[in-house]
Amino acid sequence: MGLGVRIFDAMESLNSEVIYGGIIIIGFLGFAMERLVLRSLEVATVQRWGMLREL
């Protein structure tokens, strides 16, 4: 059972702790994904295409 299904089941039974916990987990996963994967991909792309500005 996935996280979204668990959140929707908790919504039907009015279990707010599970709902908020799921939302926090989704937010943390999104933040971690952006920091670990997307930021390193962006840095590599910017360096490869020479789009860095010299200060």
PDB file of N, CA and C in Angstrom:
ATOM      1  N   MET A   1       0.850  -1.165   0.000  1.00  0.00           N
ATOM      2  CA  MET A   1       0.000   0.000   0.000  1.00  0.00           C
ATOM      3  C   MET A   1       0.900   1.232   0.000  1.00  0.00           C
ATOM      4  N   GLY A   2       0.616   2.146  -0.890  1.00  0.00           N
ATOM      5  CA  GLY A   2       1.440   3.335  -1.027  1.00  0.00           C
ATOM      6  C   GLY A   2       1.053   4.430  -0.043  1.00  0.00           C
ATOM      7  N   LEU A   3       1.845   5.461  -0.045  1.00  0.00           N
ATOM      8  CA  LEU A   3       1.646   6.573   0.873  1.00  0.00           C
ATOM      9  C   LEU A   3       0.365   7.338   0.550  1.00  0.00           C
ATOM     10  N   GLY A   4       0.070   7.525  -0.726  1.00  0.00           N
ATOM     11  CA  GLY A   4      -1.142   8.230  -1.113  1.00  0.00           C
ATOM     12  C   GLY A   4      -2.392   7.483  -0.695  1.00  0.00           C
ATOM     13  N   VAL A   5      -2.386   6.178  -0.868  1.00  0.00           N
ATOM     14  CA  VAL A   5      -3.531   5.361  -0.460  1.00  0.00           C
ATOM     15  C   VAL A   5      -3.714   5.433   1.054  1.00  0.00           C
ATOM     16  N   ARG A   6      -2.625   5.408   1.776  1.00  0.00           N
ATOM     17  CA  ARG A   6      -2.689   5.488   3.238  1.00  0.00           C
ATOM     18  C   ARG A   6      -3.272   6.838   3.674  1.00  0.00           C
ATOM     19  N   ILE A   7      -2.885   7.912   2.983  1.00  0.00           N
ATOM     20  CA  ILE A   7      -3.414   9.237   3.317  1.00  0.00           C
ATOM     21  C   ILE A   7      -4.909   9.291   3.029  1.00  0.00           C
ATOM     22  N   PHE A   8      -5.343   8.761   1.881  1.00  0.00           N
ATOM     23  CA  PHE A   8      -6.763   8.782   1.551  1.00  0.00           C
ATOM     24  C   PHE A   8      -7.576   7.906   2.497  1.00  0.00           C
ATOM     25  N   ASP A   9      -7.041   6.764   2.915  1.00  0.00           N
ATOM     26  CA  ASP A   9      -7.739   5.933   3.901  1.00  0.00           C
ATOM     27  C   ASP A   9      -7.871   6.664   5.234  1.00  0.00           C
ATOM     28  N   ALA A  10      -6.826   7.368   5.620  1.00  0.00           N
ATOM     29  CA  ALA A  10      -6.866   8.134   6.861  1.00  0.00           C
ATOM     30  C   ALA A  10      -7.859   9.291   6.747  1.00  0.00           C
ATOM     31  N   MET A  11      -7.983   9.859   5.556  1.00  0.00           N
ATOM     32  CA  MET A  11      -8.930  10.946   5.345  1.00  0.00           C
ATOM     33  C   MET A  11     -10.365  10.448   5.542  1.00  0.00           C
ATOM     34  N   GLU A  12     -10.647   9.251   5.049  1.00  0.00           N
ATOM     35  CA  GLU A  12     -11.995   8.699   5.191  1.00  0.00           C
ATOM     36  C   GLU A  12     -12.331   8.372   6.643  1.00  0.00           C
ATOM     37  N   SER A  13     -11.324   7.997   7.431  1.00  0.00           N
ATOM     38  CA  SER A  13     -11.576   7.673   8.835  1.00  0.00           C
ATOM     39  C   SER A  13     -11.238   8.838   9.769  1.00  0.00           C
ATOM     40  N   LEU A  14     -10.962  10.009   9.209  1.00  0.00           N
ATOM     41  CA  LEU A  14     -10.661  11.229   9.974  1.00  0.00           C
ATOM     42  C   LEU A  14      -9.484  11.062  10.926  1.00  0.00           C
ATOM     43  N   ASN A  15      -8.449  10.364  10.455  1.00  0.00           N
ATOM     44  CA  ASN A  15      -7.240  10.148  11.251  1.00  0.00           C
ATOM     45  C   ASN A  15      -6.209  11.205  10.851  1.00  0.00           C
ATOM     46  N   SER A  16      -6.269  12.360  11.501  1.00  0.00           N
ATOM     47  CA  SER A  16      -5.455  13.506  11.092  1.00  0.00           C
ATOM     48  C   SER A  16      -3.957  13.295  11.312  1.00  0.00           C
ATOM     49  N   GLU A  17      -3.579  12.477  12.291  1.00  0.00           N
ATOM     50  CA  GLU A  17      -2.151  12.253  12.531  1.00  0.00           C
ATOM     51  C   GLU A  17      -1.497  11.585  11.326  1.00  0.00           C
ATOM     52  N   VAL A  18      -2.181  10.612  10.741  1.00  0.00           N
ATOM     53  CA  VAL A  18      -1.643   9.910   9.571  1.00  0.00           C
ATOM     54  C   VAL A  18      -1.617  10.847   8.363  1.00  0.00           C
ATOM     55  N   ILE A  19      -2.650  11.669   8.228  1.00  0.00           N
ATOM     56  CA  ILE A  19      -2.707  12.605   7.103  1.00  0.00           C
ATOM     57  C   ILE A  19      -1.533  13.579   7.170  1.00  0.00           C
ATOM     58  N   TYR A  20      -1.347  14.223   8.326  1.00  0.00           N
ATOM     59  CA  TYR A  20      -0.260  15.187   8.458  1.00  0.00           C
ATOM     60  C   TYR A  20       1.112  14.518   8.383  1.00  0.00           C
ATOM     61  N   GLY A  21       1.218  13.324   8.923  1.00  0.00           N
ATOM     62  CA  GLY A  21       2.478  12.593   8.814  1.00  0.00           C
ATOM     63  C   GLY A  21       2.819  12.286   7.364  1.00  0.00           C
ATOM     64  N   GLY A  22       1.826  11.869   6.583  1.00  0.00           N
ATOM     65  CA  GLY A  22       2.047  11.607   5.159  1.00  0.00           C
ATOM     66  C   GLY A  22       2.440  12.852   4.395  1.00  0.00           C
ATOM     67  N   ILE A  23       1.789  13.972   4.716  1.00  0.00           N
ATOM     68  CA  ILE A  23       2.128  15.240   4.054  1.00  0.00           C
ATOM     69  C   ILE A  23       3.556  15.649   4.380  1.00  0.00           C
ATOM     70  N   ILE A  24       3.960  15.481   5.620  1.00  0.00           N
ATOM     71  CA  ILE A  24       5.333  15.829   6.023  1.00  0.00           C
ATOM     72  C   ILE A  24       6.341  14.920   5.320  1.00  0.00           C
ATOM     73  N   ILE A  25       6.035  13.634   5.210  1.00  0.00           N
ATOM     74  CA  ILE A  25       6.941  12.702   4.527  1.00  0.00           C
ATOM     75  C   ILE A  25       7.067  13.065   3.047  1.00  0.00           C
ATOM     76  N   ILE A  26       5.950  13.394   2.398  1.00  0.00           N
ATOM     77  CA  ILE A  26       5.998  13.790   0.987  1.00  0.00           C
ATOM     78  C   ILE A  26       6.823  15.067   0.818  1.00  0.00           C
ATOM     79  N   GLY A  27       6.648  16.021   1.717  1.00  0.00           N
ATOM     80  CA  GLY A  27       7.431  17.257   1.661  1.00  0.00           C
ATOM     81  C   GLY A  27       8.917  16.997   1.853  1.00  0.00           C
ATOM     82  N   PHE A  28       9.255  16.147   2.805  1.00  0.00           N
ATOM     83  CA  PHE A  28      10.663  15.822   3.047  1.00  0.00           C
ATOM     84  C   PHE A  28      11.275  15.109   1.844  1.00  0.00           C
ATOM     85  N   LEU A  29      10.536  14.167   1.252  1.00  0.00           N
ATOM     86  CA  LEU A  29      11.047  13.457   0.074  1.00  0.00           C
ATOM     87  C   LEU A  29      11.257  14.405  -1.100  1.00  0.00           C
ATOM     88  N   GLY A  30      10.342  15.338  -1.291  1.00  0.00           N
ATOM     89  CA  GLY A  30      10.499  16.331  -2.360  1.00  0.00           C
ATOM     90  C   GLY A  30      11.701  17.223  -2.133  1.00  0.00           C
ATOM     91  N   PHE A  31      11.877  17.676  -0.888  1.00  0.00           N
ATOM     92  CA  PHE A  31      13.029  18.517  -0.555  1.00  0.00           C
ATOM     93  C   PHE A  31      14.341  17.764  -0.760  1.00  0.00           C
ATOM     94  N   ALA A  32      14.395  16.519  -0.286  1.00  0.00           N
ATOM     95  CA  ALA A  32      15.609  15.714  -0.437  1.00  0.00           C
ATOM     96  C   ALA A  32      15.900  15.437  -1.910  1.00  0.00           C
ATOM     97  N   MET A  33      14.865  15.149  -2.688  1.00  0.00           N
ATOM     98  CA  MET A  33      15.046  14.896  -4.121  1.00  0.00           C
ATOM     99  C   MET A  33      15.614  16.135  -4.817  1.00  0.00           C
ATOM    100  N   GLU A  34      15.083  17.297  -4.458  1.00  0.00           N
ATOM    101  CA  GLU A  34      15.569  18.529  -5.074  1.00  0.00           C
ATOM    102  C   GLU A  34      17.020  18.794  -4.701  1.00  0.00           C
ATOM    103  N   ARG A  35      17.365  18.586  -3.436  1.00  0.00           N
ATOM    104  CA  ARG A  35      18.733  18.843  -2.984  1.00  0.00           C
ATOM    105  C   ARG A  35      19.738  17.843  -3.540  1.00  0.00           C
ATOM    106  N   LEU A  36      19.394  16.562  -3.536  1.00  0.00           N
ATOM    107  CA  LEU A  36      20.369  15.531  -3.891  1.00  0.00           C
ATOM    108  C   LEU A  36      20.451  15.285  -5.397  1.00  0.00           C
ATOM    109  N   VAL A  37      19.316  15.217  -6.069  1.00  0.00           N
ATOM    110  CA  VAL A  37      19.311  14.818  -7.471  1.00  0.00           C
ATOM    111  C   VAL A  37      19.272  16.023  -8.396  1.00  0.00           C
ATOM    112  N   LEU A  38      18.270  16.854  -8.242  1.00  0.00           N
ATOM    113  CA  LEU A  38      18.065  17.926  -9.206  1.00  0.00           C
ATOM    114  C   LEU A  38      19.123  19.017  -9.131  1.00  0.00           C
ATOM    115  N   ARG A  39      19.577  19.340  -7.930  1.00  0.00           N
ATOM    116  CA  ARG A  39      20.597  20.387  -7.813  1.00  0.00           C
ATOM    117  C   ARG A  39      21.921  19.935  -8.433  1.00  0.00           C
ATOM    118  N   SER A  40      22.321  18.691  -8.210  1.00  0.00           N
ATOM    119  CA  SER A  40      23.570  18.206  -8.801  1.00  0.00           C
ATOM    120  C   SER A  40      23.441  18.124 -10.321  1.00  0.00           C
ATOM    121  N   LEU A  41      22.265  17.756 -10.801  1.00  0.00           N
ATOM    122  CA  LEU A  41      22.033  17.737 -12.250  1.00  0.00           C
ATOM    123  C   LEU A  41      22.098  19.145 -12.829  1.00  0.00           C
ATOM    124  N   GLU A  42      21.556  20.109 -12.126  1.00  0.00           N
ATOM    125  CA  GLU A  42      21.605  21.494 -12.587  1.00  0.00           C
ATOM    126  C   GLU A  42      23.031  22.016 -12.629  1.00  0.00           C
ATOM    127  N   VAL A  43      23.805  21.728 -11.592  1.00  0.00           N
ATOM    128  CA  VAL A  43      25.200  22.185 -11.554  1.00  0.00           C
ATOM    129  C   VAL A  43      25.993  21.569 -12.698  1.00  0.00           C
ATOM    130  N   ALA A  44      25.806  20.280 -12.935  1.00  0.00           N
ATOM    131  CA  ALA A  44      26.525  19.612 -14.019  1.00  0.00           C
ATOM    132  C   ALA A  44      26.139  20.188 -15.371  1.00  0.00           C
ATOM    133  N   THR A  45      24.874  20.489 -15.569  1.00  0.00           N
ATOM    134  CA  THR A  45      24.405  21.047 -16.840  1.00  0.00           C
ATOM    135  C   THR A  45      24.955  22.455 -17.040  1.00  0.00           C
ATOM    136  N   VAL A  46      24.916  23.270 -16.008  1.00  0.00           N
ATOM    137  CA  VAL A  46      25.413  24.644 -16.113  1.00  0.00           C
ATOM    138  C   VAL A  46      26.906  24.640 -16.412  1.00  0.00           C
ATOM    139  N   GLN A  47      27.656  23.771 -15.753  1.00  0.00           N
ATOM    140  CA  GLN A  47      29.099  23.714 -16.005  1.00  0.00           C
ATOM    141  C   GLN A  47      29.387  23.192 -17.400  1.00  0.00           C
ATOM    142  N   ARG A  48      28.627  22.196 -17.849  1.00  0.00           N
ATOM    143  CA  ARG A  48      28.886  21.628 -19.172  1.00  0.00           C
ATOM    144  C   ARG A  48      28.633  22.644 -20.281  1.00  0.00           C
ATOM    145  N   TRP A  49      27.597  23.422 -20.173  1.00  0.00           N
ATOM    146  CA  TRP A  49      27.239  24.371 -21.205  1.00  0.00           C
ATOM    147  C   TRP A  49      27.897  25.726 -20.999  1.00  0.00           C
ATOM    148  N   GLY A  50      28.721  25.865 -19.966  1.00  0.00           N
ATOM    149  CA  GLY A  50      29.481  27.089 -19.752  1.00  0.00           C
ATOM    150  C   GLY A  50      28.616  28.290 -19.450  1.00  0.00           C
ATOM    151  N   MET A  51      27.587  28.080 -18.669  1.00  0.00           N
ATOM    152  CA  MET A  51      26.664  29.170 -18.394  1.00  0.00           C
ATOM    153  C   MET A  51      26.949  29.848 -17.062  1.00  0.00           C
ATOM    154  N   LEU A  52      28.105  29.578 -16.468  1.00  0.00           N
ATOM    155  CA  LEU A  52      28.470  30.223 -15.203  1.00  0.00           C
ATOM    156  C   LEU A  52      28.946  31.635 -15.471  1.00  0.00           C
ATOM    157  N   ARG A  53      28.498  32.555 -14.618  1.00  0.00           N
ATOM    158  CA  ARG A  53      28.946  33.935 -14.749  1.00  0.00           C
ATOM    159  C   ARG A  53      30.197  34.136 -13.914  1.00  0.00           C
ATOM    160  N   GLU A  54      31.148  34.793 -14.455  1.00  0.00           N
ATOM    161  CA  GLU A  54      32.354  35.124 -13.719  1.00  0.00           C
ATOM    162  C   GLU A  54      32.081  36.400 -12.921  1.00  0.00           C
ATOM    163  N   LEU A  55      32.351  36.359 -11.620  1.00  0.00           N
ATOM    164  CA  LEU A  55      32.120  37.547 -10.789  1.00  0.00           C
ATOM    165  C   LEU A  55      33.372  38.335 -10.612  1.00  0.00           C
TER     166      LEU A  55
END
